Amino acid sequence: MMGSASLALLSDSFPSELKGAAFSVRMTGFRMGSIVGPLLGGYLYSSLSPKSPFIAAALLFFIGFPIVYLIKEKPKQLF
C-alpha cells in the first residue's frame, strides 16, 4: 500500500521533466534500505545489544523528521 502512495506523492510533487529522476531515487532508496537495513540491524544486535537497532531507528527518525518538515514546501490550495 505504501509503495503506490509514495509513487502518487512523487508524481504530484515533481514536474514532468524530473519525475524519472525522482522515481529512480525512490526505487534506489527502497532497494538499498532492504539490503543495508537488515545487515546493519543484525550487526547492531549482535555487537551492542538487542535494543540497539530500535534505538538507532528512533534516532534516525527524530533527526530526519524535523529536517523533512522544515524543507518541505507547503501544499498548494486545491479549492
N, C-alpha and C. Protein backbone atom coordinates (compact mmCIF):
# COMPACT_ATOMS: atom_id res chain seq x y z
N MET A 1 0.82 -1.18 0.00
CA MET A 1 0.00 0.00 0.00
C MET A 1 0.87 1.25 0.00
N MET A 2 1.95 1.24 0.77
CA MET A 2 2.79 2.43 0.86
C MET A 2 3.52 2.70 -0.45
N GLY A 3 3.84 1.66 -1.18
CA GLY A 3 4.54 1.85 -2.44
C GLY A 3 3.76 2.66 -3.44
N SER A 4 2.49 2.35 -3.60
CA SER A 4 1.68 3.09 -4.56
C SER A 4 1.40 4.51 -4.08
N ALA A 5 1.26 4.69 -2.77
CA ALA A 5 1.03 6.04 -2.23
C ALA A 5 2.26 6.91 -2.43
N SER A 6 3.45 6.36 -2.23
CA SER A 6 4.66 7.16 -2.41
C SER A 6 4.87 7.53 -3.88
N LEU A 7 4.49 6.65 -4.78
CA LEU A 7 4.58 6.99 -6.20
C LEU A 7 3.61 8.10 -6.56
N ALA A 8 2.42 8.07 -5.99
CA ALA A 8 1.46 9.13 -6.25
C ALA A 8 1.94 10.46 -5.70
N LEU A 9 2.52 10.45 -4.52
CA LEU A 9 3.06 11.68 -3.94
C LEU A 9 4.21 12.23 -4.77
N LEU A 10 5.08 11.35 -5.24
CA LEU A 10 6.17 11.80 -6.10
C LEU A 10 5.65 12.38 -7.40
N SER A 11 4.66 11.74 -7.96
CA SER A 11 4.10 12.21 -9.22
C SER A 11 3.48 13.60 -9.07
N ASP A 12 2.86 13.86 -7.93
CA ASP A 12 2.26 15.17 -7.69
C ASP A 12 3.28 16.23 -7.31
N SER A 13 4.41 15.82 -6.74
CA SER A 13 5.38 16.77 -6.19
C SER A 13 6.43 17.24 -7.18
N PHE A 14 6.66 16.51 -8.25
CA PHE A 14 7.73 16.85 -9.17
C PHE A 14 7.18 17.20 -10.54
N PRO A 15 7.84 18.13 -11.24
CA PRO A 15 7.43 18.42 -12.63
C PRO A 15 7.74 17.23 -13.52
N SER A 16 7.09 17.19 -14.67
CA SER A 16 7.19 16.02 -15.54
C SER A 16 8.62 15.74 -15.99
N GLU A 17 9.45 16.75 -16.15
CA GLU A 17 10.82 16.50 -16.60
C GLU A 17 11.72 15.92 -15.50
N LEU A 18 11.29 15.97 -14.24
CA LEU A 18 12.08 15.41 -13.14
C LEU A 18 11.47 14.15 -12.53
N LYS A 19 10.34 13.70 -13.04
CA LYS A 19 9.68 12.53 -12.46
C LYS A 19 10.52 11.27 -12.58
N GLY A 20 11.17 11.08 -13.69
CA GLY A 20 12.01 9.89 -13.86
C GLY A 20 13.13 9.84 -12.85
N ALA A 21 13.78 10.97 -12.61
CA ALA A 21 14.86 11.02 -11.62
C ALA A 21 14.31 10.78 -10.21
N ALA A 22 13.15 11.37 -9.92
CA ALA A 22 12.56 11.18 -8.59
C ALA A 22 12.17 9.72 -8.36
N PHE A 23 11.59 9.08 -9.36
CA PHE A 23 11.23 7.67 -9.22
C PHE A 23 12.47 6.79 -9.06
N SER A 24 13.54 7.10 -9.77
CA SER A 24 14.75 6.28 -9.66
C SER A 24 15.41 6.44 -8.29
N VAL A 25 15.39 7.65 -7.73
CA VAL A 25 15.94 7.84 -6.39
C VAL A 25 15.10 7.10 -5.36
N ARG A 26 13.78 7.13 -5.52
CA ARG A 26 12.90 6.41 -4.61
C ARG A 26 13.16 4.91 -4.66
N MET A 27 13.24 4.37 -5.87
CA MET A 27 13.46 2.92 -6.00
C MET A 27 14.83 2.52 -5.48
N THR A 28 15.84 3.35 -5.74
CA THR A 28 17.18 3.05 -5.21
C THR A 28 17.17 3.07 -3.69
N GLY A 29 16.48 4.04 -3.10
CA GLY A 29 16.39 4.11 -1.65
C GLY A 29 15.68 2.91 -1.05
N PHE A 30 14.59 2.48 -1.67
CA PHE A 30 13.87 1.30 -1.19
C PHE A 30 14.75 0.05 -1.26
N ARG A 31 15.43 -0.12 -2.37
CA ARG A 31 16.27 -1.32 -2.54
C ARG A 31 17.48 -1.29 -1.61
N MET A 32 18.12 -0.13 -1.49
CA MET A 32 19.28 -0.04 -0.60
C MET A 32 18.85 -0.25 0.86
N GLY A 33 17.69 0.29 1.23
CA GLY A 33 17.19 0.06 2.58
C GLY A 33 16.91 -1.40 2.86
N SER A 34 16.41 -2.10 1.84
CA SER A 34 16.13 -3.53 2.00
C SER A 34 17.41 -4.36 2.14
N ILE A 35 18.49 -3.86 1.57
CA ILE A 35 19.76 -4.58 1.65
C ILE A 35 20.55 -4.18 2.89
N VAL A 36 20.70 -2.88 3.11
CA VAL A 36 21.56 -2.39 4.18
C VAL A 36 20.88 -2.49 5.54
N GLY A 37 19.56 -2.29 5.61
CA GLY A 37 18.86 -2.30 6.89
C GLY A 37 19.04 -3.57 7.70
N PRO A 38 18.75 -4.74 7.14
CA PRO A 38 18.95 -5.97 7.92
C PRO A 38 20.42 -6.23 8.28
N LEU A 39 21.31 -5.87 7.39
CA LEU A 39 22.73 -6.06 7.71
C LEU A 39 23.16 -5.18 8.89
N LEU A 40 22.79 -3.92 8.84
CA LEU A 40 23.14 -3.00 9.92
C LEU A 40 22.42 -3.37 11.21
N GLY A 41 21.13 -3.72 11.10
CA GLY A 41 20.38 -4.13 12.29
C GLY A 41 20.96 -5.38 12.94
N GLY A 42 21.35 -6.34 12.13
CA GLY A 42 21.96 -7.55 12.66
C GLY A 42 23.30 -7.29 13.32
N TYR A 43 24.07 -6.41 12.71
CA TYR A 43 25.36 -6.04 13.30
C TYR A 43 25.16 -5.34 14.64
N LEU A 44 24.25 -4.38 14.69
CA LEU A 44 23.99 -3.67 15.94
C LEU A 44 23.46 -4.62 17.01
N TYR A 45 22.57 -5.53 16.62
CA TYR A 45 22.00 -6.50 17.55
C TYR A 45 23.08 -7.39 18.15
N SER A 46 23.96 -7.90 17.30
CA SER A 46 24.95 -8.85 17.79
C SER A 46 26.13 -8.18 18.48
N SER A 47 26.48 -6.97 18.08
CA SER A 47 27.68 -6.37 18.67
C SER A 47 27.38 -5.49 19.87
N LEU A 48 26.21 -4.86 19.94
CA LEU A 48 25.91 -3.97 21.06
C LEU A 48 24.86 -4.57 22.00
N SER A 49 23.62 -4.60 21.55
CA SER A 49 22.55 -5.17 22.38
C SER A 49 21.32 -5.40 21.50
N PRO A 50 20.38 -6.20 21.98
CA PRO A 50 19.15 -6.39 21.21
C PRO A 50 18.32 -5.12 21.04
N LYS A 51 18.49 -4.14 21.90
CA LYS A 51 17.74 -2.89 21.80
C LYS A 51 18.36 -1.91 20.80
N SER A 52 19.62 -2.06 20.48
CA SER A 52 20.34 -1.06 19.69
C SER A 52 19.77 -0.82 18.29
N PRO A 53 19.28 -1.82 17.55
CA PRO A 53 18.69 -1.49 16.25
C PRO A 53 17.46 -0.57 16.37
N PHE A 54 16.68 -0.75 17.42
CA PHE A 54 15.50 0.07 17.62
C PHE A 54 15.87 1.49 18.05
N ILE A 55 16.91 1.59 18.86
CA ILE A 55 17.39 2.91 19.27
C ILE A 55 17.95 3.66 18.07
N ALA A 56 18.69 2.96 17.21
CA ALA A 56 19.24 3.59 16.01
C ALA A 56 18.12 4.05 15.07
N ALA A 57 17.08 3.24 14.91
CA ALA A 57 15.95 3.63 14.06
C ALA A 57 15.23 4.85 14.64
N ALA A 58 15.06 4.89 15.96
CA ALA A 58 14.41 6.04 16.60
C ALA A 58 15.26 7.30 16.43
N LEU A 59 16.57 7.19 16.56
CA LEU A 59 17.45 8.34 16.37
C LEU A 59 17.36 8.87 14.95
N LEU A 60 17.37 7.96 13.97
CA LEU A 60 17.24 8.39 12.58
C LEU A 60 15.91 9.10 12.34
N PHE A 61 14.86 8.59 12.94
CA PHE A 61 13.55 9.23 12.79
C PHE A 61 13.54 10.62 13.41
N PHE A 62 14.02 10.74 14.64
CA PHE A 62 13.97 12.02 15.34
C PHE A 62 14.93 13.05 14.76
N ILE A 63 15.93 12.62 14.03
CA ILE A 63 16.80 13.55 13.32
C ILE A 63 16.21 13.90 11.96
N GLY A 64 15.68 12.91 11.25
CA GLY A 64 15.19 13.12 9.89
C GLY A 64 13.85 13.82 9.81
N PHE A 65 12.95 13.56 10.74
CA PHE A 65 11.61 14.15 10.66
C PHE A 65 11.63 15.68 10.71
N PRO A 66 12.34 16.29 11.65
CA PRO A 66 12.36 17.77 11.65
C PRO A 66 13.00 18.36 10.39
N ILE A 67 14.01 17.69 9.87
CA ILE A 67 14.66 18.18 8.65
C ILE A 67 13.68 18.17 7.49
N VAL A 68 12.97 17.07 7.31
CA VAL A 68 11.99 16.98 6.23
C VAL A 68 10.86 17.98 6.45
N TYR A 69 10.41 18.14 7.68
CA TYR A 69 9.33 19.07 7.97
C TYR A 69 9.73 20.51 7.64
N LEU A 70 10.98 20.86 7.90
CA LEU A 70 11.43 22.22 7.64
C LEU A 70 11.68 22.52 6.17
N ILE A 71 12.15 21.53 5.40
CA ILE A 71 12.47 21.80 4.00
C ILE A 71 11.31 21.52 3.06
N LYS A 72 10.28 20.84 3.54
CA LYS A 72 9.13 20.51 2.68
C LYS A 72 8.33 21.77 2.38
N GLU A 73 7.96 21.94 1.12
CA GLU A 73 7.13 23.07 0.74
C GLU A 73 5.70 22.85 1.22
N LYS A 74 5.04 23.93 1.49
CA LYS A 74 3.64 23.85 1.90
C LYS A 74 2.79 23.45 0.69
N PRO A 75 1.76 22.63 0.88
CA PRO A 75 0.92 22.22 -0.26
C PRO A 75 0.11 23.38 -0.82
N LYS A 76 -0.17 23.30 -2.12
CA LYS A 76 -0.98 24.31 -2.77
C LYS A 76 -2.44 24.13 -2.39
N GLN A 77 -3.17 25.23 -2.39
CA GLN A 77 -4.60 25.15 -2.11
C GLN A 77 -5.31 24.56 -3.32
N LEU A 78 -6.14 23.56 -3.08
CA LEU A 78 -6.86 22.92 -4.17
C LEU A 78 -8.17 23.63 -4.47
N PHE A 79 -8.77 24.24 -3.48
CA PHE A 79 -10.07 24.88 -3.68
C PHE A 79 -10.00 26.34 -3.36
